[in-house]
């Protein structure tokens, strides 16, 4: 089970959704999350990292904006082919 993402220390200015995006980005670029395979569900990410639904959605949106994932309405988020260019997949 993944570690809960706790609110940052008072001096930590990195929001939880950006920390989650960084974790998922690392899993994508390492190949742990593979090309055209789904990311864990939003619900699973919420439970695993102790985050609210909005933070999980924002993290996925960050990765989508970077071209690392694509979303399918009603079908979740998937690792995109762009991840191959960054070393993942």
N, C-alpha and C. Protein backbone atom coordinates (compact mmCIF):
# COMPACT_ATOMS: atom_id res chain seq x y z
N UNK A 1 0.84 -1.19 0.00
CA UNK A 1 0.00 0.00 0.00
C UNK A 1 0.88 1.24 0.00
N UNK A 2 0.48 2.25 -0.76
CA UNK A 2 1.24 3.48 -0.86
C UNK A 2 1.12 4.29 0.43
N UNK A 3 2.09 5.13 0.63
CA UNK A 3 2.07 5.99 1.81
C UNK A 3 1.07 7.12 1.61
N UNK A 4 0.42 7.51 2.68
CA UNK A 4 -0.50 8.63 2.63
C UNK A 4 0.29 9.90 2.37
N UNK A 5 -0.25 10.75 1.49
CA UNK A 5 0.37 12.06 1.25
C UNK A 5 -0.20 13.01 2.29
N UNK A 6 0.62 13.34 3.24
CA UNK A 6 0.21 14.22 4.33
C UNK A 6 0.29 15.67 3.88
N UNK A 7 -0.51 16.52 4.52
CA UNK A 7 -0.35 17.94 4.23
C UNK A 7 1.10 18.34 4.46
N UNK A 8 1.58 19.23 3.64
CA UNK A 8 2.98 19.63 3.72
C UNK A 8 3.34 20.28 5.04
N UNK A 9 4.62 20.26 5.33
CA UNK A 9 5.11 21.00 6.48
C UNK A 9 4.81 22.47 6.24
N UNK A 10 4.82 23.27 7.30
CA UNK A 10 4.51 24.69 7.10
C UNK A 10 5.37 25.35 6.01
N UNK A 11 6.60 24.92 5.86
CA UNK A 11 7.47 25.50 4.84
C UNK A 11 7.35 24.83 3.49
N UNK A 12 6.55 23.75 3.39
CA UNK A 12 6.39 23.01 2.14
C UNK A 12 5.26 23.63 1.34
N UNK A 13 5.61 24.17 0.18
CA UNK A 13 4.59 24.85 -0.62
C UNK A 13 4.07 23.99 -1.77
N UNK A 14 4.41 22.70 -1.81
CA UNK A 14 3.96 21.83 -2.89
C UNK A 14 2.61 21.22 -2.53
N UNK A 15 1.57 21.56 -3.29
CA UNK A 15 0.24 21.02 -2.99
C UNK A 15 0.19 19.50 -3.18
N UNK A 16 -0.76 18.86 -2.51
CA UNK A 16 -0.89 17.41 -2.56
C UNK A 16 -1.08 16.90 -3.98
N UNK A 17 -1.85 17.60 -4.80
CA UNK A 17 -2.08 17.11 -6.16
C UNK A 17 -0.80 17.10 -6.98
N UNK A 18 0.09 18.05 -6.72
CA UNK A 18 1.37 18.07 -7.45
C UNK A 18 2.31 16.98 -6.94
N UNK A 19 2.22 16.68 -5.65
CA UNK A 19 3.03 15.57 -5.12
C UNK A 19 2.56 14.25 -5.71
N UNK A 20 1.22 14.06 -5.80
CA UNK A 20 0.69 12.84 -6.41
C UNK A 20 1.06 12.78 -7.89
N UNK A 21 0.96 13.89 -8.59
CA UNK A 21 1.34 13.91 -10.01
C UNK A 21 2.80 13.48 -10.15
N UNK A 22 3.67 13.94 -9.26
CA UNK A 22 5.08 13.56 -9.30
C UNK A 22 5.28 12.07 -9.07
N UNK A 23 4.52 11.50 -8.14
CA UNK A 23 4.61 10.06 -7.87
C UNK A 23 4.17 9.27 -9.10
N UNK A 24 3.03 9.66 -9.67
CA UNK A 24 2.53 8.95 -10.84
C UNK A 24 3.46 9.15 -12.04
N UNK A 25 4.00 10.36 -12.21
CA UNK A 25 4.95 10.62 -13.29
C UNK A 25 6.15 9.69 -13.18
N UNK A 26 6.67 9.53 -11.98
CA UNK A 26 7.83 8.65 -11.76
C UNK A 26 7.46 7.20 -12.09
N UNK A 27 6.26 6.79 -11.73
CA UNK A 27 5.83 5.42 -12.03
C UNK A 27 5.65 5.21 -13.53
N UNK A 28 5.24 6.26 -14.23
CA UNK A 28 5.09 6.18 -15.69
C UNK A 28 6.46 6.13 -16.36
N UNK A 29 7.33 7.06 -15.99
CA UNK A 29 8.62 7.13 -16.67
C UNK A 29 9.53 5.95 -16.35
N UNK A 30 9.28 5.29 -15.21
CA UNK A 30 10.07 4.10 -14.88
C UNK A 30 9.55 2.86 -15.60
N UNK A 31 8.36 2.96 -16.19
CA UNK A 31 7.76 1.82 -16.87
C UNK A 31 6.87 0.98 -15.97
N UNK A 32 6.77 1.35 -14.69
CA UNK A 32 5.90 0.61 -13.78
C UNK A 32 4.44 0.69 -14.26
N UNK A 33 4.03 1.86 -14.72
CA UNK A 33 2.72 2.03 -15.35
C UNK A 33 2.98 2.04 -16.85
N UNK A 34 2.40 1.10 -17.58
CA UNK A 34 2.78 0.86 -18.96
C UNK A 34 1.86 1.53 -19.98
N UNK A 35 2.41 1.73 -21.16
CA UNK A 35 1.75 2.37 -22.29
C UNK A 35 0.37 1.78 -22.55
N UNK A 36 -0.59 2.67 -22.69
CA UNK A 36 -1.98 2.33 -22.97
C UNK A 36 -2.65 1.46 -21.92
N UNK A 37 -2.04 1.36 -20.76
CA UNK A 37 -2.63 0.65 -19.63
C UNK A 37 -3.24 1.70 -18.70
N UNK A 38 -4.29 1.33 -17.98
CA UNK A 38 -4.95 2.32 -17.12
C UNK A 38 -4.12 2.66 -15.88
N UNK A 39 -4.28 3.90 -15.47
CA UNK A 39 -3.78 4.30 -14.15
C UNK A 39 -4.70 3.64 -13.12
N UNK A 40 -4.25 3.55 -11.88
CA UNK A 40 -5.18 3.11 -10.83
C UNK A 40 -6.41 4.03 -10.84
N UNK A 41 -7.54 3.51 -10.45
CA UNK A 41 -8.77 4.32 -10.44
C UNK A 41 -8.63 5.50 -9.49
N UNK A 42 -9.43 6.52 -9.73
CA UNK A 42 -9.42 7.68 -8.84
C UNK A 42 -9.71 7.24 -7.41
N UNK A 43 -10.68 6.36 -7.25
CA UNK A 43 -11.04 5.88 -5.91
C UNK A 43 -9.87 5.16 -5.26
N UNK A 44 -9.18 4.34 -6.02
CA UNK A 44 -8.01 3.62 -5.50
C UNK A 44 -6.91 4.60 -5.08
N UNK A 45 -6.67 5.61 -5.89
CA UNK A 45 -5.65 6.61 -5.56
C UNK A 45 -6.05 7.40 -4.31
N UNK A 46 -7.34 7.70 -4.18
CA UNK A 46 -7.82 8.41 -2.99
C UNK A 46 -7.53 7.59 -1.73
N UNK A 47 -7.86 6.30 -1.79
CA UNK A 47 -7.63 5.44 -0.62
C UNK A 47 -6.13 5.25 -0.37
N UNK A 48 -5.38 4.99 -1.42
CA UNK A 48 -3.95 4.69 -1.25
C UNK A 48 -3.16 5.86 -0.69
N UNK A 49 -3.51 7.07 -1.13
CA UNK A 49 -2.72 8.24 -0.74
C UNK A 49 -3.44 9.15 0.25
N UNK A 50 -4.65 8.79 0.65
CA UNK A 50 -5.38 9.59 1.63
C UNK A 50 -5.75 10.97 1.14
N UNK A 51 -6.12 11.07 -0.15
CA UNK A 51 -6.44 12.36 -0.74
C UNK A 51 -7.92 12.47 -1.04
N UNK A 52 -8.38 13.70 -1.19
CA UNK A 52 -9.76 13.94 -1.58
C UNK A 52 -9.89 13.79 -3.09
N UNK A 53 -11.11 13.58 -3.58
CA UNK A 53 -11.31 13.37 -5.02
C UNK A 53 -10.77 14.51 -5.89
N UNK A 54 -10.93 15.74 -5.42
CA UNK A 54 -10.46 16.88 -6.21
C UNK A 54 -8.96 16.87 -6.41
N UNK A 55 -8.21 16.50 -5.38
CA UNK A 55 -6.74 16.45 -5.50
C UNK A 55 -6.32 15.38 -6.50
N UNK A 56 -7.00 14.24 -6.47
CA UNK A 56 -6.66 13.16 -7.40
C UNK A 56 -6.98 13.60 -8.84
N UNK A 57 -8.13 14.21 -9.03
CA UNK A 57 -8.50 14.67 -10.38
C UNK A 57 -7.52 15.73 -10.89
N UNK A 58 -7.11 16.63 -10.01
CA UNK A 58 -6.14 17.67 -10.43
C UNK A 58 -4.80 17.04 -10.80
N UNK A 59 -4.38 16.02 -10.06
CA UNK A 59 -3.11 15.34 -10.38
C UNK A 59 -3.19 14.69 -11.76
N UNK A 60 -4.30 14.04 -12.05
CA UNK A 60 -4.47 13.41 -13.36
C UNK A 60 -4.52 14.47 -14.45
N UNK A 61 -5.14 15.60 -14.16
CA UNK A 61 -5.20 16.69 -15.14
C UNK A 61 -3.81 17.24 -15.44
N UNK A 62 -2.97 17.35 -14.42
CA UNK A 62 -1.59 17.81 -14.62
C UNK A 62 -0.87 16.87 -15.59
N UNK A 63 -1.01 15.57 -15.36
CA UNK A 63 -0.36 14.59 -16.24
C UNK A 63 -0.95 14.61 -17.64
N UNK A 64 -2.25 14.85 -17.74
CA UNK A 64 -2.89 14.98 -19.04
C UNK A 64 -2.36 16.20 -19.78
N UNK A 65 -2.24 17.31 -19.07
CA UNK A 65 -1.70 18.54 -19.66
C UNK A 65 -0.28 18.35 -20.16
N UNK A 66 0.48 17.47 -19.50
CA UNK A 66 1.86 17.18 -19.89
C UNK A 66 1.91 16.16 -21.03
N UNK A 67 0.77 15.58 -21.37
CA UNK A 67 0.72 14.58 -22.42
C UNK A 67 1.12 13.18 -21.98
N UNK A 68 1.25 12.96 -20.69
CA UNK A 68 1.66 11.65 -20.19
C UNK A 68 0.49 10.68 -20.05
N UNK A 69 -0.71 11.21 -19.90
CA UNK A 69 -1.90 10.35 -19.81
C UNK A 69 -3.00 10.95 -20.67
N UNK A 70 -3.93 10.10 -21.04
CA UNK A 70 -5.15 10.57 -21.70
C UNK A 70 -6.32 9.95 -20.96
N UNK A 71 -7.45 10.63 -21.03
CA UNK A 71 -8.62 10.14 -20.31
C UNK A 71 -9.69 9.72 -21.31
N UNK A 72 -10.46 8.72 -20.90
CA UNK A 72 -11.60 8.24 -21.68
C UNK A 72 -12.82 8.47 -20.80
N UNK A 73 -13.77 9.24 -21.32
CA UNK A 73 -14.95 9.55 -20.52
C UNK A 73 -15.61 8.27 -20.03
N UNK A 74 -15.74 8.16 -18.74
CA UNK A 74 -16.34 6.99 -18.12
C UNK A 74 -15.42 5.78 -18.09
N UNK A 75 -14.18 5.94 -18.58
CA UNK A 75 -13.28 4.80 -18.67
C UNK A 75 -11.96 4.97 -17.96
N UNK A 76 -11.74 6.13 -17.35
CA UNK A 76 -10.51 6.33 -16.59
C UNK A 76 -9.40 7.00 -17.40
N UNK A 77 -8.21 6.96 -16.83
CA UNK A 77 -7.03 7.58 -17.42
C UNK A 77 -6.01 6.50 -17.79
N UNK A 78 -5.33 6.71 -18.90
CA UNK A 78 -4.39 5.73 -19.45
C UNK A 78 -3.06 6.40 -19.76
N UNK A 79 -1.98 5.62 -19.67
CA UNK A 79 -0.66 6.13 -20.02
C UNK A 79 -0.63 6.34 -21.53
N UNK A 80 -0.22 7.52 -21.97
CA UNK A 80 -0.22 7.84 -23.40
C UNK A 80 1.10 7.44 -24.06
N UNK A 81 1.09 7.43 -25.37
CA UNK A 81 2.30 7.08 -26.12
C UNK A 81 3.41 8.10 -25.90
N UNK A 82 3.05 9.30 -25.48
CA UNK A 82 4.07 10.32 -25.20
C UNK A 82 4.98 9.87 -24.06
N UNK A 83 4.48 9.00 -23.19
CA UNK A 83 5.28 8.50 -22.09
C UNK A 83 6.51 7.75 -22.60
N UNK A 84 6.42 7.14 -23.78
CA UNK A 84 7.56 6.44 -24.37
C UNK A 84 8.71 7.42 -24.63
N UNK A 85 8.35 8.63 -25.06
CA UNK A 85 9.37 9.64 -25.35
C UNK A 85 10.12 10.08 -24.10
N UNK A 86 9.48 9.91 -22.93
CA UNK A 86 10.11 10.34 -21.69
C UNK A 86 10.70 9.18 -20.92
N UNK A 87 10.69 8.00 -21.54
CA UNK A 87 11.34 6.86 -20.91
C UNK A 87 10.39 5.85 -20.30
N UNK A 88 9.09 6.12 -20.31
CA UNK A 88 8.15 5.17 -19.75
C UNK A 88 7.54 4.28 -20.80
N UNK A 89 6.66 3.36 -20.35
CA UNK A 89 5.92 2.51 -21.26
C UNK A 89 6.74 1.44 -21.71
